[in-house]
Amino acid sequence: MKTKIGIKRVYDEPAPGDGKRILVDRLWPRGLTKEKARIDYWAKDISPSNELRKWYGHDPAKWDEFRKRYFAELDRNATGVDALIEAVGKGPASFVYSSTERTINNAEALKLYLERKK
């Protein structure tokens, strides 16, 4: 996948450079209306499972294992991944997420996964 994909917290102000805004969380962000979020596509089917999300808890010591487990979930969900790739299109696009953790989150992991699939 050669499309430029950015990563952005959903609570940060939308910007024209975001391109398509793709929410990659299983749960809708608290306190945010659909109008304010300006989400073009909600990819909840490819977000980490509830079990994985709760196990991980954004613990930096679990980051590598989280990615391995998440990538395995994505490998088993080809339909969801294909739908995401179609939603991204020719880009640009931004994966938006709600976590306060800005560097070791599922949006970053998903971007790494797609870059590996090139």
N, C-alpha and C. Protein backbone atom coordinates (compact mmCIF):
# COMPACT_ATOMS: atom_id res chain seq x y z
N MET A 1 0.85 -1.17 0.00
CA MET A 1 0.00 0.00 0.00
C MET A 1 0.89 1.24 0.00
N LYS A 2 0.77 2.06 -1.03
CA LYS A 2 1.65 3.21 -1.19
C LYS A 2 0.99 4.53 -0.82
N THR A 3 -0.24 4.48 -0.40
CA THR A 3 -0.98 5.67 -0.04
C THR A 3 -0.39 6.30 1.22
N LYS A 4 -0.36 7.63 1.25
CA LYS A 4 0.10 8.32 2.45
C LYS A 4 -0.98 8.24 3.52
N ILE A 5 -0.62 7.66 4.66
CA ILE A 5 -1.55 7.54 5.77
C ILE A 5 -0.95 8.26 6.97
N GLY A 6 -1.71 9.19 7.50
CA GLY A 6 -1.31 9.89 8.71
C GLY A 6 -1.99 9.27 9.91
N ILE A 7 -1.53 9.66 11.09
CA ILE A 7 -2.11 9.20 12.34
C ILE A 7 -2.49 10.45 13.12
N LYS A 8 -3.72 10.45 13.64
CA LYS A 8 -4.18 11.65 14.34
C LYS A 8 -5.18 11.27 15.43
N ARG A 9 -5.10 11.95 16.54
CA ARG A 9 -6.07 11.73 17.62
C ARG A 9 -7.40 12.34 17.19
N VAL A 10 -8.49 11.62 17.38
CA VAL A 10 -9.80 12.06 16.92
C VAL A 10 -10.24 13.36 17.59
N TYR A 11 -9.72 13.63 18.77
CA TYR A 11 -10.10 14.85 19.49
C TYR A 11 -9.34 16.07 19.00
N ASP A 12 -8.29 15.87 18.19
CA ASP A 12 -7.58 17.00 17.59
C ASP A 12 -8.42 17.56 16.45
N GLU A 13 -8.32 18.84 16.24
CA GLU A 13 -9.13 19.53 15.23
C GLU A 13 -8.90 18.93 13.83
N PRO A 14 -9.98 18.57 13.12
CA PRO A 14 -9.82 18.09 11.74
C PRO A 14 -9.17 19.18 10.88
N ALA A 15 -8.38 18.75 9.92
CA ALA A 15 -7.69 19.68 9.02
C ALA A 15 -7.83 19.18 7.59
N PRO A 16 -7.76 20.09 6.61
CA PRO A 16 -7.87 19.69 5.21
C PRO A 16 -6.83 18.64 4.81
N GLY A 17 -5.64 18.70 5.38
CA GLY A 17 -4.58 17.75 5.05
C GLY A 17 -4.81 16.35 5.57
N ASP A 18 -5.84 16.16 6.39
CA ASP A 18 -6.13 14.83 6.93
C ASP A 18 -6.55 13.85 5.84
N GLY A 19 -7.11 14.36 4.77
CA GLY A 19 -7.67 13.47 3.76
C GLY A 19 -8.87 12.75 4.34
N LYS A 20 -9.09 11.51 3.93
CA LYS A 20 -10.19 10.73 4.50
C LYS A 20 -9.85 10.42 5.95
N ARG A 21 -10.80 10.71 6.83
CA ARG A 21 -10.61 10.44 8.26
C ARG A 21 -11.25 9.09 8.58
N ILE A 22 -10.42 8.13 8.95
CA ILE A 22 -10.86 6.76 9.19
C ILE A 22 -10.68 6.42 10.66
N LEU A 23 -11.79 6.25 11.36
CA LEU A 23 -11.75 5.89 12.77
C LEU A 23 -11.41 4.41 12.88
N VAL A 24 -10.34 4.09 13.61
CA VAL A 24 -9.87 2.71 13.70
C VAL A 24 -10.06 2.12 15.10
N ASP A 25 -11.02 2.66 15.84
CA ASP A 25 -11.35 2.16 17.18
C ASP A 25 -12.65 1.36 17.13
N ARG A 26 -12.78 0.41 18.04
CA ARG A 26 -13.99 -0.41 18.14
C ARG A 26 -15.14 0.39 18.75
N LEU A 27 -14.81 1.31 19.66
CA LEU A 27 -15.83 2.11 20.35
C LEU A 27 -15.82 3.54 19.82
N TRP A 28 -17.01 4.16 19.76
CA TRP A 28 -17.09 5.56 19.34
C TRP A 28 -16.47 6.42 20.44
N PRO A 29 -15.70 7.45 20.07
CA PRO A 29 -15.04 8.31 21.06
C PRO A 29 -16.05 9.03 21.96
N ARG A 30 -15.77 9.01 23.25
CA ARG A 30 -16.66 9.63 24.23
C ARG A 30 -16.79 11.13 24.01
N GLY A 31 -18.03 11.58 24.12
CA GLY A 31 -18.30 13.02 24.09
C GLY A 31 -18.12 13.69 22.75
N LEU A 32 -18.01 12.93 21.68
CA LEU A 32 -17.76 13.50 20.37
C LEU A 32 -18.93 13.20 19.44
N THR A 33 -19.49 14.23 18.85
CA THR A 33 -20.58 14.03 17.89
C THR A 33 -20.01 13.63 16.54
N LYS A 34 -20.85 13.03 15.72
CA LYS A 34 -20.41 12.65 14.37
C LYS A 34 -20.01 13.87 13.56
N GLU A 35 -20.72 14.99 13.76
CA GLU A 35 -20.40 16.21 13.03
C GLU A 35 -19.02 16.74 13.41
N LYS A 36 -18.73 16.74 14.70
CA LYS A 36 -17.45 17.28 15.17
C LYS A 36 -16.28 16.36 14.79
N ALA A 37 -16.52 15.06 14.83
CA ALA A 37 -15.45 14.09 14.53
C ALA A 37 -15.10 14.08 13.04
N ARG A 38 -16.09 14.33 12.20
CA ARG A 38 -15.91 14.31 10.74
C ARG A 38 -15.24 13.03 10.25
N ILE A 39 -15.82 11.92 10.62
CA ILE A 39 -15.30 10.61 10.23
C ILE A 39 -15.90 10.22 8.88
N ASP A 40 -15.02 9.84 7.95
CA ASP A 40 -15.48 9.39 6.63
C ASP A 40 -15.78 7.89 6.60
N TYR A 41 -15.10 7.15 7.44
CA TYR A 41 -15.28 5.69 7.47
C TYR A 41 -14.91 5.19 8.86
N TRP A 42 -15.76 4.34 9.42
CA TRP A 42 -15.49 3.77 10.74
C TRP A 42 -15.11 2.31 10.53
N ALA A 43 -13.83 2.02 10.75
CA ALA A 43 -13.29 0.68 10.52
C ALA A 43 -13.28 -0.15 11.81
N LYS A 44 -14.42 -0.21 12.48
CA LYS A 44 -14.47 -0.90 13.77
C LYS A 44 -14.22 -2.40 13.64
N ASP A 45 -14.50 -2.97 12.47
CA ASP A 45 -14.31 -4.41 12.28
C ASP A 45 -12.84 -4.84 12.26
N ILE A 46 -11.94 -3.90 12.06
CA ILE A 46 -10.51 -4.27 12.04
C ILE A 46 -9.77 -3.73 13.27
N SER A 47 -10.50 -3.17 14.20
CA SER A 47 -9.86 -2.71 15.43
C SER A 47 -9.52 -3.92 16.30
N PRO A 48 -8.60 -3.76 17.25
CA PRO A 48 -8.24 -4.89 18.10
C PRO A 48 -9.47 -5.42 18.85
N SER A 49 -9.50 -6.72 19.07
CA SER A 49 -10.59 -7.33 19.83
C SER A 49 -10.64 -6.73 21.23
N ASN A 50 -11.81 -6.81 21.85
CA ASN A 50 -11.94 -6.30 23.21
C ASN A 50 -10.95 -6.97 24.15
N GLU A 51 -10.76 -8.27 23.99
CA GLU A 51 -9.84 -9.01 24.85
C GLU A 51 -8.41 -8.49 24.68
N LEU A 52 -7.99 -8.29 23.44
CA LEU A 52 -6.64 -7.80 23.18
C LEU A 52 -6.48 -6.37 23.69
N ARG A 53 -7.46 -5.55 23.44
CA ARG A 53 -7.40 -4.14 23.86
C ARG A 53 -7.27 -4.05 25.38
N LYS A 54 -8.07 -4.84 26.09
CA LYS A 54 -8.02 -4.80 27.56
C LYS A 54 -6.71 -5.38 28.09
N TRP A 55 -6.22 -6.46 27.48
CA TRP A 55 -4.95 -7.05 27.90
C TRP A 55 -3.81 -6.05 27.74
N TYR A 56 -3.78 -5.36 26.61
CA TYR A 56 -2.68 -4.44 26.30
C TYR A 56 -2.65 -3.23 27.24
N GLY A 57 -3.75 -2.52 27.35
CA GLY A 57 -3.81 -1.38 28.26
C GLY A 57 -2.76 -0.32 28.02
N HIS A 58 -2.22 -0.24 26.81
CA HIS A 58 -1.17 0.73 26.45
C HIS A 58 0.06 0.64 27.34
N ASP A 59 0.37 -0.58 27.77
CA ASP A 59 1.56 -0.83 28.57
C ASP A 59 2.76 -0.92 27.61
N PRO A 60 3.71 0.02 27.71
CA PRO A 60 4.85 0.00 26.77
C PRO A 60 5.60 -1.34 26.75
N ALA A 61 5.62 -2.05 27.86
CA ALA A 61 6.30 -3.34 27.91
C ALA A 61 5.59 -4.40 27.06
N LYS A 62 4.32 -4.17 26.75
CA LYS A 62 3.54 -5.14 25.97
C LYS A 62 3.42 -4.75 24.49
N TRP A 63 4.02 -3.64 24.07
CA TRP A 63 3.84 -3.12 22.71
C TRP A 63 4.19 -4.15 21.63
N ASP A 64 5.36 -4.77 21.73
CA ASP A 64 5.78 -5.74 20.70
C ASP A 64 4.82 -6.92 20.63
N GLU A 65 4.43 -7.44 21.78
CA GLU A 65 3.50 -8.57 21.81
C GLU A 65 2.11 -8.15 21.33
N PHE A 66 1.70 -6.93 21.67
CA PHE A 66 0.42 -6.42 21.20
C PHE A 66 0.38 -6.40 19.67
N ARG A 67 1.45 -5.88 19.07
CA ARG A 67 1.48 -5.83 17.60
C ARG A 67 1.41 -7.23 17.00
N LYS A 68 2.14 -8.18 17.55
CA LYS A 68 2.10 -9.55 17.03
C LYS A 68 0.69 -10.12 17.10
N ARG A 69 0.04 -9.94 18.25
CA ARG A 69 -1.31 -10.47 18.41
C ARG A 69 -2.31 -9.74 17.52
N TYR A 70 -2.15 -8.43 17.41
CA TYR A 70 -3.05 -7.64 16.57
C TYR A 70 -2.86 -8.01 15.10
N PHE A 71 -1.62 -8.16 14.67
CA PHE A 71 -1.35 -8.55 13.29
C PHE A 71 -1.97 -9.92 12.99
N ALA A 72 -1.92 -10.84 13.97
CA ALA A 72 -2.54 -12.15 13.78
C ALA A 72 -4.05 -12.00 13.62
N GLU A 73 -4.66 -11.11 14.41
CA GLU A 73 -6.10 -10.86 14.25
C GLU A 73 -6.39 -10.30 12.86
N LEU A 74 -5.56 -9.38 12.40
CA LEU A 74 -5.75 -8.79 11.08
C LEU A 74 -5.58 -9.83 9.98
N ASP A 75 -4.60 -10.71 10.14
CA ASP A 75 -4.39 -11.78 9.15
C ASP A 75 -5.62 -12.67 9.01
N ARG A 76 -6.36 -12.84 10.10
CA ARG A 76 -7.58 -13.67 10.08
C ARG A 76 -8.79 -12.89 9.59
N ASN A 77 -8.62 -11.61 9.29
CA ASN A 77 -9.75 -10.75 8.90
C ASN A 77 -9.47 -10.09 7.54
N ALA A 78 -9.21 -10.90 6.53
CA ALA A 78 -8.88 -10.37 5.20
C ALA A 78 -10.00 -9.49 4.65
N THR A 79 -11.24 -9.85 4.90
CA THR A 79 -12.37 -9.06 4.40
C THR A 79 -12.35 -7.66 5.00
N GLY A 80 -12.13 -7.56 6.30
CA GLY A 80 -12.07 -6.26 6.96
C GLY A 80 -10.89 -5.43 6.49
N VAL A 81 -9.74 -6.07 6.32
CA VAL A 81 -8.55 -5.35 5.84
C VAL A 81 -8.77 -4.86 4.42
N ASP A 82 -9.36 -5.70 3.57
CA ASP A 82 -9.65 -5.28 2.19
C ASP A 82 -10.61 -4.10 2.16
N ALA A 83 -11.63 -4.12 3.03
CA ALA A 83 -12.58 -3.00 3.10
C ALA A 83 -11.87 -1.73 3.54
N LEU A 84 -10.94 -1.85 4.47
CA LEU A 84 -10.18 -0.68 4.92
C LEU A 84 -9.33 -0.13 3.78
N ILE A 85 -8.64 -1.01 3.08
CA ILE A 85 -7.79 -0.57 1.96
C ILE A 85 -8.64 0.13 0.90
N GLU A 86 -9.82 -0.39 0.66
CA GLU A 86 -10.73 0.25 -0.30
C GLU A 86 -11.17 1.62 0.21
N ALA A 87 -11.44 1.73 1.50
CA ALA A 87 -11.86 3.00 2.08
C ALA A 87 -10.75 4.04 2.01
N VAL A 88 -9.51 3.61 2.20
CA VAL A 88 -8.37 4.52 2.11
C VAL A 88 -8.24 5.04 0.69
N GLY A 89 -8.44 4.15 -0.27
CA GLY A 89 -8.35 4.53 -1.67
C GLY A 89 -6.96 5.03 -2.03
N LYS A 90 -6.92 6.06 -2.84
CA LYS A 90 -5.64 6.61 -3.29
C LYS A 90 -5.11 7.65 -2.33
N GLY A 91 -5.88 7.94 -1.27
CA GLY A 91 -5.41 8.83 -0.21
C GLY A 91 -5.34 10.27 -0.64
N PRO A 92 -4.83 11.11 0.19
CA PRO A 92 -4.32 10.81 1.52
C PRO A 92 -5.44 10.43 2.48
N ALA A 93 -5.02 9.81 3.59
CA ALA A 93 -5.98 9.40 4.62
C ALA A 93 -5.31 9.53 5.98
N SER A 94 -6.13 9.62 7.00
CA SER A 94 -5.64 9.64 8.38
C SER A 94 -6.39 8.61 9.19
N PHE A 95 -5.62 7.77 9.89
CA PHE A 95 -6.22 6.87 10.86
C PHE A 95 -6.40 7.67 12.13
N VAL A 96 -7.63 7.80 12.60
CA VAL A 96 -7.88 8.54 13.82
C VAL A 96 -8.27 7.57 14.93
N TYR A 97 -7.86 7.91 16.14
CA TYR A 97 -8.04 7.05 17.31
C TYR A 97 -8.36 7.94 18.50
N SER A 98 -8.85 7.35 19.58
CA SER A 98 -9.24 8.15 20.74
C SER A 98 -8.29 8.04 21.93
N SER A 99 -7.40 7.10 21.94
CA SER A 99 -6.49 6.90 23.07
C SER A 99 -5.68 8.16 23.37
N THR A 100 -5.34 8.33 24.64
CA THR A 100 -4.44 9.43 25.01
C THR A 100 -3.00 9.08 24.68
N GLU A 101 -2.73 7.80 24.44
CA GLU A 101 -1.39 7.35 24.08
C GLU A 101 -1.15 7.66 22.61
N ARG A 102 -0.20 8.55 22.34
CA ARG A 102 -0.01 9.03 20.97
C ARG A 102 0.98 8.24 20.13
N THR A 103 1.75 7.34 20.72
CA THR A 103 2.76 6.66 19.92
C THR A 103 2.61 5.14 19.85
N ILE A 104 2.10 4.53 20.89
CA ILE A 104 1.97 3.06 20.88
C ILE A 104 0.48 2.70 20.98
N ASN A 105 -0.22 2.96 19.89
CA ASN A 105 -1.66 2.71 19.86
C ASN A 105 -2.01 1.87 18.65
N ASN A 106 -3.28 1.47 18.57
CA ASN A 106 -3.69 0.58 17.48
C ASN A 106 -3.60 1.23 16.10
N ALA A 107 -3.74 2.55 16.02
CA ALA A 107 -3.62 3.23 14.72
C ALA A 107 -2.20 3.09 14.18
N GLU A 108 -1.21 3.28 15.05
CA GLU A 108 0.19 3.11 14.65
C GLU A 108 0.45 1.66 14.23
N ALA A 109 -0.07 0.73 15.02
CA ALA A 109 0.14 -0.68 14.70
C ALA A 109 -0.51 -1.03 13.36
N LEU A 110 -1.70 -0.53 13.12
CA LEU A 110 -2.40 -0.81 11.86
C LEU A 110 -1.64 -0.24 10.68
N LYS A 111 -1.11 0.95 10.82
CA LYS A 111 -0.31 1.54 9.75
C LYS A 111 0.92 0.68 9.46
N LEU A 112 1.60 0.21 10.51
CA LEU A 112 2.76 -0.67 10.33
C LEU A 112 2.35 -1.96 9.61
N TYR A 113 1.22 -2.50 9.97
CA TYR A 113 0.73 -3.73 9.35
C TYR A 113 0.53 -3.53 7.84
N LEU A 114 -0.13 -2.43 7.49
CA LEU A 114 -0.39 -2.16 6.06
C LEU A 114 0.90 -1.88 5.31
N GLU A 115 1.85 -1.22 5.94
CA GLU A 115 3.14 -0.95 5.27
C GLU A 115 3.87 -2.25 4.99
N ARG A 116 3.74 -3.23 5.85
CA ARG A 116 4.36 -4.55 5.64
C ARG A 116 3.73 -5.30 4.48
N LYS A 117 2.48 -5.00 4.19
CA LYS A 117 1.75 -5.70 3.12
C LYS A 117 2.04 -5.15 1.74
N LYS A 118 2.85 -4.13 1.62
CA LYS A 118 3.14 -3.50 0.32
C LYS A 118 3.53 -4.51 -0.73
